[in-house]
Amino acid sequence: MNILFVCTGNTCRSPMAAAIMEKMAVENDLDVLIESAGLFANVGGKASENAVKVLDEMGIDLTFHQTKPITEELIEKSDLILTMTEAHKELLKPIAGNDVYTLKEYGGGSGDISDPYGGDIEEYRETAREIYDALVDVAEKIADIQNGNTENDGK
């Protein structure tokens, strides 16, 4: 399964979600390819300093992340697109179709992932906790799908 995480600038939320999901995928033996992009991202920028610090606290290295904008190619090769907000989802739906959900929605919750951009380290920690909590449910759902339990596939 190819999963694409999307936020605004691809410096905070979507790279944090992708990196946390990568760790969960390894720990839970999930067969996934994970990428992240931003609706208004530049090419080749770095993850925000506080995003790097917070993920380092979780044992995840984000120092090599390079920002990239969403492209038609990324959308086409994705089986599932998880956005950080309802607004991101609404912008992508006309292009990407029905395989677009907010991160919290796909995990069975509701609401947006808060944007820590420009905030202090504690705001980034809170966002990382929000992302992690939502991804626990997402990883469980993907495991169910990959194990043939299709009643939990969200469609």
Protein backbone atom coordinates (compact mmCIF):
# COMPACT_ATOMS: atom_id res chain seq x y z
CA MET A 1 0.00 0.00 0.00
CA ASN A 2 1.34 3.42 -0.98
CA ILE A 3 0.49 6.12 1.55
CA LEU A 4 0.96 9.84 0.99
CA PHE A 5 0.82 12.28 3.91
CA VAL A 6 -0.03 15.85 2.95
CA CYS A 7 0.14 19.18 4.78
CA THR A 8 0.79 22.75 3.71
CA GLY A 9 4.56 23.25 3.46
CA ASN A 10 5.90 19.72 4.07
CA THR A 11 8.15 20.99 6.86
CA CYS A 12 6.28 19.90 10.01
CA ARG A 13 3.15 17.76 10.09
CA SER A 14 3.34 15.55 6.99
CA PRO A 15 7.04 14.67 7.38
CA MET A 16 6.47 13.95 11.08
CA ALA A 17 3.49 11.73 10.22
CA ALA A 18 5.44 9.91 7.49
CA ALA A 19 8.45 9.31 9.74
CA ILE A 20 6.34 8.11 12.68
CA MET A 21 4.35 5.84 10.34
CA GLU A 22 7.59 4.42 8.93
CA LYS A 23 8.64 3.44 12.45
CA MET A 24 5.22 1.91 13.17
CA ALA A 25 5.28 0.03 9.87
CA VAL A 26 8.62 -1.58 10.74
CA GLU A 27 7.47 -2.42 14.27
CA ASN A 28 4.18 -3.93 13.01
CA ASP A 29 5.49 -5.56 9.81
CA LEU A 30 3.21 -3.51 7.55
CA ASP A 31 3.78 -3.62 3.81
CA VAL A 32 3.65 0.09 3.01
CA LEU A 33 5.53 2.70 1.01
CA ILE A 34 5.28 6.09 2.68
CA GLU A 35 5.85 9.57 1.28
CA SER A 36 4.96 13.10 2.27
CA ALA A 37 4.36 16.30 0.36
CA GLY A 38 2.95 19.77 0.80
CA LEU A 39 0.26 21.63 -1.10
CA PHE A 40 2.43 24.75 -1.14
CA ALA A 41 5.87 23.25 -0.50
CA ASN A 42 9.13 24.25 -2.09
CA VAL A 43 11.51 21.64 -3.46
CA GLY A 44 14.43 20.61 -1.27
CA GLY A 45 13.80 22.50 1.95
CA LYS A 46 14.44 21.01 5.36
CA ALA A 47 12.06 19.91 8.07
CA SER A 48 11.55 22.58 10.71
CA GLU A 49 14.11 22.57 13.49
CA ASN A 50 11.56 21.78 16.19
CA ALA A 51 10.06 18.92 14.15
CA VAL A 52 13.55 17.40 13.93
CA LYS A 53 14.09 17.86 17.68
CA VAL A 54 10.76 16.36 18.68
CA LEU A 55 11.17 13.31 16.46
CA ASP A 56 14.71 12.87 17.75
CA GLU A 57 13.16 12.61 21.22
CA MET A 58 11.05 9.75 19.81
CA GLY A 59 14.12 8.03 18.36
CA ILE A 60 13.34 9.05 14.77
CA ASP A 61 15.79 10.86 12.49
CA LEU A 62 14.18 13.57 10.37
CA THR A 63 17.40 15.43 9.50
CA PHE A 64 17.49 14.09 5.94
CA HIS A 65 13.93 15.13 5.04
CA GLN A 66 13.62 17.30 1.94
CA THR A 67 10.39 19.12 1.22
CA LYS A 68 8.47 18.48 -1.96
CA PRO A 69 5.25 19.77 -3.45
CA ILE A 70 2.31 17.54 -4.24
CA THR A 71 2.37 16.34 -7.85
CA GLU A 72 0.01 14.45 -10.10
CA GLU A 73 2.52 11.58 -10.12
CA LEU A 74 2.51 11.33 -6.30
CA ILE A 75 -1.28 11.34 -6.28
CA GLU A 76 -1.54 8.70 -9.01
CA LYS A 77 0.81 6.26 -7.29
CA SER A 78 -0.86 6.64 -3.88
CA ASP A 79 -3.43 4.12 -2.67
CA LEU A 80 -4.26 6.30 0.30
CA ILE A 81 -3.78 10.03 0.87
CA LEU A 82 -3.94 11.28 4.45
CA THR A 83 -4.16 15.03 4.97
CA MET A 84 -3.58 16.98 8.15
CA THR A 85 -6.73 19.09 7.81
CA GLU A 86 -10.18 19.04 6.27
CA ALA A 87 -9.12 22.03 4.11
CA HIS A 88 -6.20 20.04 2.68
CA LYS A 89 -8.58 17.16 1.95
CA GLU A 90 -11.08 19.43 0.19
CA LEU A 91 -8.32 20.89 -2.01
CA LEU A 92 -7.14 17.41 -3.03
CA LYS A 93 -10.44 15.59 -3.46
CA PRO A 94 -11.24 17.00 -6.94
CA ILE A 95 -7.84 15.79 -8.17
CA ALA A 96 -7.35 12.63 -6.12
CA GLY A 97 -10.86 11.24 -5.81
CA ASN A 98 -12.19 9.17 -2.95
CA ASP A 99 -8.96 7.83 -1.47
CA VAL A 100 -8.35 11.08 0.45
CA TYR A 101 -9.05 11.29 4.17
CA THR A 102 -7.89 13.45 7.01
CA LEU A 103 -5.45 11.57 9.22
CA LYS A 104 -7.83 11.61 12.17
CA GLU A 105 -10.82 10.64 10.00
CA TYR A 106 -9.10 7.55 8.58
CA GLY A 107 -8.19 6.48 12.10
CA GLY A 108 -11.83 6.75 13.16
CA GLY A 109 -11.70 10.19 14.78
CA SER A 110 -12.41 13.71 13.67
CA GLY A 111 -10.80 17.12 13.53
CA ASP A 112 -7.59 18.56 12.20
CA ILE A 113 -4.00 18.01 13.27
CA SER A 114 -2.86 21.29 14.83
CA ASP A 115 -0.21 23.26 12.95
CA PRO A 116 2.84 23.94 15.12
CA TYR A 117 4.63 26.02 12.47
CA GLY A 118 6.37 28.95 14.13
CA GLY A 119 5.51 27.65 17.58
CA ASP A 120 7.69 26.58 20.46
CA ILE A 121 8.98 23.07 21.10
CA GLU A 122 5.99 22.20 23.30
CA GLU A 123 3.58 22.96 20.44
CA TYR A 124 5.57 20.56 18.25
CA ARG A 125 5.46 17.90 20.98
CA GLU A 126 1.69 18.27 21.21
CA THR A 127 1.34 17.95 17.43
CA ALA A 128 3.60 14.89 17.43
CA ARG A 129 1.38 13.32 20.14
CA GLU A 130 -1.74 14.08 18.07
CA ILE A 131 -0.15 12.51 15.01
CA TYR A 132 1.11 9.49 16.94
CA ASP A 133 -2.29 8.84 18.54
CA ALA A 134 -4.05 9.01 15.16
CA LEU A 135 -1.42 6.79 13.54
CA VAL A 136 -1.88 4.04 16.13
CA ASP A 137 -5.43 3.64 14.82
CA VAL A 138 -4.33 4.01 11.18
CA ALA A 139 -1.64 1.31 11.60
CA GLU A 140 -4.20 -1.03 13.16
CA LYS A 141 -6.60 -0.43 10.28
CA ILE A 142 -3.89 -1.05 7.68
CA ALA A 143 -2.84 -4.24 9.47
CA ASP A 144 -6.47 -5.43 9.37
CA ILE A 145 -6.69 -4.68 5.65
CA GLN A 146 -3.41 -6.43 4.91
CA ASN A 147 -4.50 -9.44 6.97
CA GLY A 148 -7.71 -9.75 4.96
CA ASN A 149 -10.11 -8.23 7.49
CA THR A 150 -11.85 -5.91 5.02
CA GLU A 151 -14.68 -4.82 7.29
CA ASN A 152 -12.28 -2.19 8.67
CA ASP A 153 -11.05 -0.71 5.38
CA GLY A 154 -12.88 2.62 5.61
CA LYS A 155 -14.60 2.37 2.26
